[in-house]
Amino acid sequence: MNIESIRVRNFKALREVRLDNLPPYCVFVGRNGTGKTTLFRVFAFLKCCLSKNVRVALNAEGGRNGLREVLSRGHADEDLEIEIQFRLDIAGTNRLVTYRVEIGEAPGRGPIVKKEILRYKRGRYGSPFHFIDFTEGEGYAINNEEEFDKPDTELTREYQKLDSPDTLAIKGLGQFERFKAASAFRQLIENWHISDFHIQSARGDKEESDAEHLSSSGDNLPSVARHLYEQHPDLFASIKRRMQERVPGISDIEVTVTEDGRLLMRYRDGAFKEPFIDRNVSDGTIKMFAYLVLLADPKPHPVLCVEEPENQLYPELMGVLAEEFLQYAERGGQVFVSTHSPDFLNAVPLASIYWLEKDAGETVIHRAAEAPALVRLVDAGDLPGQLWHQGLFNSKALSNA
């Protein structure tokens, strides 16, 4: 269930951004401050809106100023809008579903969800039909949306009033299977992974848990590694083999249980008899292992967002890591990566690359495959990373190419 398009309006530097026909693997480049992190924060913001509420999500993004700090500069009197389109099988037909949310300020009430709509076409022709339509905390949802043989007048509208107008309707409706599209979209958001990996969080002994998926910070790395070792030994063996091939000296990786029942990662260097605990292992070794664990997940996240994976890693690892992300996308998880690394970009198809620029303080996003000059250069044998290093992912430079 890949995201096909994203439209963001009035979110910090993203004054008006739309990405259409998104591929399963998307890589974003741009100078510092062009908006790469802001684009990724849209995913985190929407996930927080769902798990908490709009007020909490705005405070997480804008601090005490909340909505005022999140809205684009000079447009504080306008609403924030996010629109996502994805495909879903409904009643045996693959349909393009659109979810749109508008968030603004209500006098005396603070930030609220002004409008929330989920729509798609029931038939081949005609306008999309609203299956969820809420305004300021009140609205309806169609609870027999799969009964396509019924005329619109016979569809059952279930009217509801939310507990608070700063709560998303899909938060409650998405819990019920009868609201099929809402349930699917809620699961999509709940299960997407926004990596915020911290080396220090991954180090040291950890409480034993039944974690199957790596957390955003990586603080449950030993638990997930142990789960893979016990439940998916072939996958764990593959991870160890790739670590041995890519990190000099690593001959084995194990998860041990301490006397007080805690988990500890230990790495064995072939030159030494005793393995090292992870506190004595390089940042790059731990990070590479964490990425391989994340990308080997037997159940890929529907959306995976990773910022600048090159940090703490050797440049020669970038090509193989880029290919690991591509393989993850081919297994069914849509991948969004930001990078500054030419070595990483050299291993990425041009059709997957986007570059960001600032124009009058606002982010503009371009698709590399839609720039004829870049296409000609790549077809002639140039690599994308080399072109990025030469400064050619730039509208002005390309106009003179």
Protein backbone atom coordinates (compact mmCIF):
# COMPACT_ATOMS: atom_id res chain seq x y z
CA MET A 1 0.00 0.00 0.00
CA ASN A 2 2.44 2.65 -1.22
CA ILE A 3 1.85 6.37 -0.94
CA GLU A 4 1.31 7.75 -4.44
CA SER A 5 1.30 11.46 -3.70
CA ILE A 6 1.82 13.91 -0.87
CA ARG A 7 0.69 17.52 -0.75
CA VAL A 8 1.74 19.79 2.10
CA ARG A 9 0.66 23.38 2.52
CA ASN A 10 1.78 25.85 5.17
CA PHE A 11 4.05 23.55 7.21
CA LYS A 12 7.17 25.57 8.10
CA ALA A 13 9.28 26.00 4.92
CA LEU A 14 6.89 23.75 2.98
CA ARG A 15 4.64 26.57 1.87
CA GLU A 16 3.19 24.63 -1.08
CA VAL A 17 4.74 21.26 -1.95
CA ARG A 18 3.31 18.39 -3.95
CA LEU A 19 5.01 15.10 -4.84
CA ASP A 20 3.17 12.95 -7.39
CA ASN A 21 3.76 9.42 -8.70
CA LEU A 22 6.06 8.57 -5.82
CA PRO A 23 8.20 5.47 -6.43
CA PRO A 24 8.73 2.85 -3.71
CA TYR A 25 12.26 4.21 -3.15
CA CYS A 26 12.69 7.98 -2.73
CA VAL A 27 16.02 9.67 -1.97
CA PHE A 28 16.19 13.41 -1.17
CA VAL A 29 19.27 15.59 -1.44
CA GLY A 30 19.81 19.26 -0.81
CA ARG A 31 22.01 21.70 1.03
CA ASN A 32 21.56 22.20 4.76
CA GLY A 33 18.45 24.25 5.48
CA THR A 34 16.62 23.44 2.25
CA GLY A 35 13.87 21.50 4.05
CA LYS A 36 14.81 17.81 4.02
CA THR A 37 14.24 17.40 7.75
CA THR A 38 11.03 19.44 7.54
CA LEU A 39 9.68 17.10 4.87
CA PHE A 40 10.40 14.09 7.07
CA ARG A 41 8.83 15.85 10.07
CA VAL A 42 5.49 15.79 8.23
CA PHE A 43 5.40 12.02 8.75
CA ALA A 44 6.29 12.34 12.43
CA PHE A 45 3.73 15.12 12.88
CA LEU A 46 0.89 13.12 11.37
CA LYS A 47 1.81 10.05 13.41
CA CYS A 48 1.77 12.13 16.61
CA CYS A 49 -1.60 13.64 15.64
CA LEU A 50 -2.97 10.10 15.43
CA SER A 51 -1.36 8.64 18.56
CA LYS A 52 -1.99 11.76 20.70
CA ASN A 53 -3.85 14.73 19.26
CA VAL A 54 -3.23 17.81 17.13
CA ARG A 55 -2.37 20.07 20.07
CA VAL A 56 0.34 17.72 21.36
CA ALA A 57 1.76 17.23 17.85
CA LEU A 58 1.94 20.99 17.25
CA ASN A 59 3.69 21.55 20.57
CA ALA A 60 6.19 18.82 19.67
CA GLU A 61 6.98 20.67 16.43
CA GLY A 62 6.68 24.30 17.49
CA GLY A 63 7.29 24.32 21.22
CA ARG A 64 5.16 26.60 23.37
CA ASN A 65 4.10 28.62 20.33
CA GLY A 66 2.52 25.53 18.82
CA LEU A 67 0.62 26.22 15.60
CA ARG A 68 2.00 29.74 15.25
CA GLU A 69 5.55 28.38 15.03
CA VAL A 70 4.62 25.55 12.64
CA LEU A 71 2.81 27.65 10.05
CA SER A 72 4.88 29.06 7.19
CA ARG A 73 6.33 32.53 7.80
CA GLY A 74 3.97 35.28 6.72
CA HIS A 75 0.97 32.93 6.49
CA ALA A 76 -0.14 32.65 10.10
CA ASP A 77 -3.71 33.54 9.09
CA GLU A 78 -3.99 30.43 6.89
CA ASP A 79 -4.53 26.78 7.77
CA LEU A 80 -2.08 23.88 7.65
CA GLU A 81 -3.07 21.21 5.11
CA ILE A 82 -1.74 17.70 4.51
CA GLU A 83 -3.08 15.46 1.77
CA ILE A 84 -1.94 11.89 1.12
CA GLN A 85 -3.06 9.58 -1.66
CA PHE A 86 -2.57 5.82 -1.53
CA ARG A 87 -3.98 2.77 -3.29
CA LEU A 88 -6.12 0.20 -1.52
CA ASP A 89 -8.02 -2.89 -2.66
CA ILE A 90 -11.70 -2.29 -1.90
CA ALA A 91 -14.43 -4.65 -3.10
CA GLY A 92 -12.00 -6.33 -5.47
CA THR A 93 -10.85 -3.12 -7.14
CA ASN A 94 -7.62 -1.20 -6.63
CA ARG A 95 -8.76 2.31 -5.75
CA LEU A 96 -6.95 5.59 -5.25
CA VAL A 97 -7.86 6.84 -1.78
CA THR A 98 -7.32 10.46 -0.73
CA TYR A 99 -6.97 11.59 2.88
CA ARG A 100 -6.92 15.32 3.62
CA VAL A 101 -6.70 17.15 6.92
CA GLU A 102 -6.82 20.90 7.56
CA ILE A 103 -5.63 22.26 10.90
CA GLY A 104 -6.16 25.81 12.11
CA GLU A 105 -6.85 28.05 15.05
CA ALA A 106 -10.34 28.48 16.49
CA PRO A 107 -10.98 31.64 18.55
CA GLY A 108 -11.02 30.73 22.23
CA ARG A 109 -10.41 27.02 21.54
CA GLY A 110 -6.86 26.89 20.22
CA PRO A 111 -5.77 24.53 17.41
CA ILE A 112 -8.45 22.24 15.98
CA VAL A 113 -9.01 19.91 13.04
CA LYS A 114 -11.03 22.20 10.83
CA LYS A 115 -11.64 19.63 8.11
CA GLU A 116 -10.92 15.93 7.69
CA ILE A 117 -11.93 13.99 4.58
CA LEU A 118 -11.29 10.51 3.24
CA ARG A 119 -12.61 9.92 -0.27
CA TYR A 120 -12.36 7.68 -3.33
CA LYS A 121 -14.40 6.85 -6.41
CA ARG A 122 -17.07 4.18 -6.04
CA GLY A 123 -17.21 3.57 -9.77
CA ARG A 124 -15.09 4.10 -12.83
CA TYR A 125 -16.53 7.52 -13.52
CA GLY A 126 -17.76 10.47 -11.54
CA SER A 127 -16.36 12.44 -8.63
CA PRO A 128 -14.77 10.82 -5.56
CA PHE A 129 -17.25 9.99 -2.81
CA HIS A 130 -16.65 11.15 0.77
CA PHE A 131 -16.59 8.14 3.10
CA ILE A 132 -15.40 10.25 6.04
CA ASP A 133 -16.29 13.92 6.31
CA PHE A 134 -15.74 15.81 9.56
CA THR A 135 -15.72 19.53 10.31
CA GLU A 136 -14.43 20.80 13.65
CA GLY A 137 -15.03 17.51 15.43
CA GLU A 138 -18.43 16.64 13.99
CA GLY A 139 -19.35 14.67 10.88
CA TYR A 140 -20.13 11.29 9.42
CA ALA A 141 -18.53 8.09 8.20
CA ILE A 142 -20.02 5.54 5.80
CA ASN A 143 -20.16 2.18 7.60
CA ASN A 144 -21.16 0.00 4.61
CA GLU A 145 -18.67 1.41 2.12
CA GLU A 146 -18.08 -1.92 0.35
CA GLU A 147 -21.73 -2.27 -0.74
CA PHE A 148 -21.06 -0.80 -4.18
CA ASP A 149 -24.30 -2.10 -5.65
CA LYS A 150 -26.31 0.34 -3.53
CA PRO A 151 -27.03 3.88 -4.72
CA ASP A 152 -25.57 6.75 -2.73
CA THR A 153 -28.88 7.39 -1.00
CA GLU A 154 -28.82 3.91 0.59
CA LEU A 155 -25.29 4.14 2.01
CA THR A 156 -25.41 4.31 5.78
CA ARG A 157 -23.99 7.50 7.28
CA GLU A 158 -22.96 7.15 10.88
CA TYR A 159 -22.94 10.62 12.42
CA GLN A 160 -20.63 11.25 15.34
CA LYS A 161 -19.26 14.01 17.52
CA LEU A 162 -15.68 13.57 18.68
CA ASP A 163 -14.66 14.11 22.28
CA SER A 164 -12.49 17.03 21.23
CA PRO A 165 -12.11 18.98 17.97
CA ASP A 166 -8.31 18.59 18.16
CA THR A 167 -8.64 14.80 17.65
CA LEU A 168 -8.47 13.09 14.26
CA ALA A 169 -11.63 11.21 13.28
CA ILE A 170 -9.55 8.32 11.90
CA LYS A 171 -8.13 7.79 15.39
CA GLY A 172 -11.42 6.33 16.56
CA LEU A 173 -13.01 5.21 13.29
CA GLY A 174 -9.83 3.45 12.19
CA GLN A 175 -10.26 0.94 15.02
CA PHE A 176 -13.29 -0.58 13.31
CA GLU A 177 -13.05 -2.86 10.29
CA ARG A 178 -16.38 -1.62 8.90
CA PHE A 179 -14.63 1.65 8.07
CA LYS A 180 -12.25 -0.13 5.70
CA ALA A 181 -10.30 2.76 4.19
CA ALA A 182 -10.03 4.59 7.52
CA SER A 183 -8.79 1.42 9.21
CA ALA A 184 -6.21 0.82 6.48
CA PHE A 185 -4.92 4.40 6.62
CA ARG A 186 -4.70 4.35 10.40
CA GLN A 187 -2.64 1.15 10.25
CA LEU A 188 -0.42 2.72 7.57
CA ILE A 189 0.39 5.67 9.86
CA GLU A 190 0.76 3.57 13.01
CA ASN A 191 3.22 1.22 11.35
CA TRP A 192 5.45 3.64 9.49
CA HIS A 193 8.93 4.06 10.95
CA ILE A 194 10.66 7.41 11.33
CA SER A 195 14.24 6.61 12.31
CA ASP A 196 15.79 8.79 15.00
CA PHE A 197 18.66 6.43 15.76
CA HIS A 198 20.95 7.34 18.66
CA ILE A 199 24.17 5.37 19.14
CA GLN A 200 24.17 5.86 22.91
CA SER A 201 20.58 4.64 23.17
CA ALA A 202 21.56 1.41 21.40
CA ARG A 203 24.62 0.76 23.59
CA GLY A 204 24.71 -1.03 26.94
CA ASP A 205 22.68 -3.74 28.59
CA LYS A 206 18.90 -3.57 28.18
CA GLU A 207 15.79 -4.89 29.82
CA GLU A 208 14.72 -8.14 28.19
CA SER A 209 11.59 -7.68 26.06
CA ASP A 210 9.69 -9.37 23.24
CA ALA A 211 10.40 -6.59 20.72
CA GLU A 212 10.10 -7.71 17.10
CA HIS A 213 10.75 -4.36 15.40
CA LEU A 214 13.58 -1.90 15.95
CA SER A 215 12.42 1.25 17.72
CA SER A 216 13.00 4.70 16.23
CA SER A 217 15.90 5.38 18.61
CA GLY A 218 17.34 1.85 18.41
CA ASP A 219 17.22 1.40 22.20
CA ASN A 220 15.81 -2.12 21.84
CA LEU A 221 18.51 -3.37 19.45
CA PRO A 222 19.56 -6.35 21.64
CA SER A 223 15.95 -7.54 22.03
CA VAL A 224 15.27 -7.37 18.30
CA ALA A 225 18.57 -9.08 17.51
CA ARG A 226 17.71 -11.87 19.94
CA HIS A 227 14.24 -12.21 18.40
CA LEU A 228 15.78 -12.61 14.94
CA TYR A 229 18.35 -15.10 16.27
CA GLU A 230 15.66 -17.27 17.92
CA GLN A 231 12.73 -16.89 15.52
CA HIS A 232 14.46 -16.19 12.19
CA PRO A 233 17.92 -17.80 12.41
CA ASP A 234 18.49 -17.65 8.65
CA LEU A 235 17.95 -13.90 8.65
CA PHE A 236 20.25 -13.41 11.62
CA ALA A 237 22.93 -15.54 9.96
CA SER A 238 22.59 -13.39 6.83
CA ILE A 239 23.04 -10.21 8.89
CA LYS A 240 26.19 -11.59 10.52
CA ARG A 241 27.57 -12.64 7.16
CA ARG A 242 27.04 -9.17 5.71
CA MET A 243 28.63 -7.57 8.78
CA GLN A 244 31.68 -9.83 8.34
CA GLU A 245 31.93 -8.76 4.69
CA ARG A 246 31.56 -5.04 5.35
CA VAL A 247 33.12 -4.29 8.74
CA PRO A 248 36.82 -5.21 9.02
CA GLY A 249 37.60 -7.57 11.89
CA ILE A 250 34.04 -8.57 12.85
CA SER A 251 33.87 -12.36 13.01
CA ASP A 252 30.78 -12.91 15.16
CA ILE A 253 27.92 -11.11 16.91
CA GLU A 254 25.99 -12.49 19.86
CA VAL A 255 23.34 -11.46 22.36
CA THR A 256 24.07 -12.61 25.90
CA VAL A 257 21.99 -12.53 29.08
CA THR A 258 23.64 -11.01 32.16
CA GLU A 259 23.33 -12.47 35.66
CA ASP A 260 20.50 -10.08 36.49
CA GLY A 261 18.55 -11.07 33.35
CA ARG A 262 19.44 -8.14 31.09
CA LEU A 263 20.50 -8.36 27.43
CA LEU A 264 23.92 -7.34 26.17
CA MET A 265 25.36 -7.19 22.63
CA ARG A 266 28.86 -8.64 22.17
CA TYR A 267 31.00 -8.34 19.04
CA ARG A 268 33.90 -10.68 18.32
CA ASP A 269 37.01 -9.48 16.52
CA GLY A 270 38.89 -12.31 14.85
CA ALA A 271 42.20 -11.00 16.22
CA PHE A 272 41.09 -11.43 19.84
CA LYS A 273 40.00 -14.44 21.89
CA GLU A 274 37.30 -12.70 23.93
CA PRO A 275 34.42 -10.71 22.37
CA PHE A 276 33.94 -7.01 23.09
CA ILE A 277 30.82 -5.62 24.74
CA ASP A 278 29.16 -2.96 22.60
CA ARG A 279 30.53 -0.12 24.76
CA ASN A 280 33.96 -0.87 23.28
CA VAL A 281 32.83 -1.08 19.67
CA SER A 282 32.89 1.81 17.18
CA ASP A 283 29.80 3.90 16.48
CA GLY A 284 29.92 2.87 12.84
CA THR A 285 29.89 -0.84 13.67
CA ILE A 286 26.81 -0.50 15.88
CA LYS A 287 25.01 1.71 13.39
CA MET A 288 25.67 -0.63 10.44
CA PHE A 289 24.42 -3.59 12.47
CA ALA A 290 21.30 -1.62 13.49
CA TYR A 291 20.53 -0.74 9.85
CA LEU A 292 20.92 -4.35 8.76
CA VAL A 293 18.59 -5.45 11.58
CA LEU A 294 16.05 -2.79 10.59
CA LEU A 295 16.19 -3.68 6.90
CA ALA A 296 15.97 -7.44 7.55
CA ASP A 297 12.63 -7.07 9.34
CA PRO A 298 10.43 -10.00 8.18
CA LYS A 299 7.47 -7.60 8.15
CA PRO A 300 8.63 -4.42 6.38
CA HIS A 301 7.19 -1.14 7.62
CA PRO A 302 4.79 0.31 5.04
CA VAL A 303 6.80 3.56 5.20
CA LEU A 304 10.43 3.84 6.35
CA CYS A 305 12.05 7.27 6.80
CA VAL A 306 15.79 7.57 7.45
CA GLU A 307 17.77 10.81 7.56
CA GLU A 308 21.44 10.89 6.54
CA PRO A 309 22.34 7.22 7.05
CA GLU A 310 25.94 8.03 6.09
CA ASN A 311 26.74 9.57 9.49
CA GLN A 312 29.37 7.51 11.40
CA LEU A 313 29.76 5.08 8.49
CA TYR A 314 32.70 4.55 6.13
CA PRO A 315 32.13 6.05 2.65
CA GLU A 316 32.78 2.66 1.02
CA LEU A 317 29.74 1.26 2.83
CA MET A 318 27.38 3.75 1.22
CA GLY A 319 26.85 1.86 -2.02
CA VAL A 320 25.89 -1.40 -0.34
CA LEU A 321 23.67 0.42 2.16
CA ALA A 322 21.83 2.20 -0.68
CA GLU A 323 21.24 -1.21 -2.27
CA GLU A 324 19.95 -2.58 1.06
CA PHE A 325 17.34 0.19 1.13
CA LEU A 326 16.37 -0.59 -2.46
CA GLN A 327 15.92 -4.28 -1.63
CA TYR A 328 13.75 -3.32 1.35
CA ALA A 329 11.52 -1.27 -0.96
CA GLU A 330 11.29 -4.19 -3.37
CA ARG A 331 10.05 -6.37 -0.50
CA GLY A 332 7.09 -4.05 0.03
CA GLY A 333 8.16 -1.19 2.29
CA GLN A 334 8.21 2.31 0.82
CA VAL A 335 11.50 4.04 1.65
CA PHE A 336 12.27 7.74 2.09
CA VAL A 337 15.95 8.61 2.67
CA SER A 338 17.76 11.95 2.87
CA THR A 339 21.49 12.12 2.22
CA HIS A 340 24.48 14.32 1.43
CA SER A 341 26.64 11.37 0.37
CA PRO A 342 27.76 11.20 -3.29
CA ASP A 343 28.73 7.55 -2.71
CA PHE A 344 25.19 6.74 -1.57
CA LEU A 345 23.65 8.58 -4.55
CA ASN A 346 25.88 6.74 -7.00
CA ALA A 347 23.97 3.55 -6.16
CA VAL A 348 20.48 5.10 -6.48
CA PRO A 349 18.40 5.08 -9.70
CA LEU A 350 17.86 8.58 -11.08
CA ALA A 351 14.09 7.98 -11.01
CA SER A 352 14.28 7.73 -7.21
CA ILE A 353 16.18 10.99 -6.62
CA TYR A 354 14.69 14.37 -5.67
CA TRP A 355 16.54 17.54 -4.83
CA LEU A 356 15.40 20.40 -2.63
CA GLU A 357 16.11 24.12 -3.02
CA LYS A 358 15.02 27.27 -1.26
CA ASP A 359 13.25 30.01 -3.21
CA ALA A 360 12.45 33.16 -1.24
CA GLY A 361 12.59 31.14 1.98
CA GLU A 362 10.27 28.40 0.74
CA THR A 363 11.20 24.81 -0.15
CA VAL A 364 10.91 23.70 -3.77
CA ILE A 365 11.30 20.00 -4.62
CA HIS A 366 12.44 18.76 -8.04
CA ARG A 367 12.53 15.24 -9.42
CA ALA A 368 15.85 14.38 -11.03
CA ALA A 369 14.27 12.21 -13.74
CA GLU A 370 12.28 15.24 -14.92
CA ALA A 371 15.43 17.30 -15.55
CA PRO A 372 16.46 16.56 -19.18
CA ALA A 373 20.07 17.66 -18.60
CA LEU A 374 20.52 15.21 -15.71
CA VAL A 375 18.94 12.40 -17.72
CA ARG A 376 21.32 13.05 -20.63
CA LEU A 377 24.36 13.09 -18.35
CA VAL A 378 23.40 9.85 -16.59
CA ASP A 379 22.61 8.18 -19.92
CA ALA A 380 26.09 9.23 -21.06
CA GLY A 381 27.68 7.42 -18.12
CA ASP A 382 27.86 10.00 -15.32
CA LEU A 383 26.81 8.84 -11.85
CA PRO A 384 24.20 10.78 -9.83
CA GLY A 385 26.54 11.22 -6.87
CA GLN A 386 29.22 12.73 -9.09
CA LEU A 387 26.68 15.18 -10.53
CA TRP A 388 25.52 16.10 -7.02
CA HIS A 389 29.15 16.64 -5.93
CA GLN A 390 29.67 18.90 -8.97
CA GLY A 391 26.70 21.04 -7.94
CA LEU A 392 24.51 20.08 -10.88
CA PHE A 393 21.46 19.25 -8.77
CA ASN A 394 20.65 22.91 -9.02
CA SER A 395 18.05 24.68 -11.16
CA LYS A 396 20.35 27.53 -12.17
CA ALA A 397 23.24 25.22 -13.02
CA LEU A 398 20.97 22.96 -15.09
CA SER A 399 19.54 25.89 -17.02
CA ASN A 400 23.05 26.56 -18.31
CA ALA A 401 23.95 22.91 -18.90
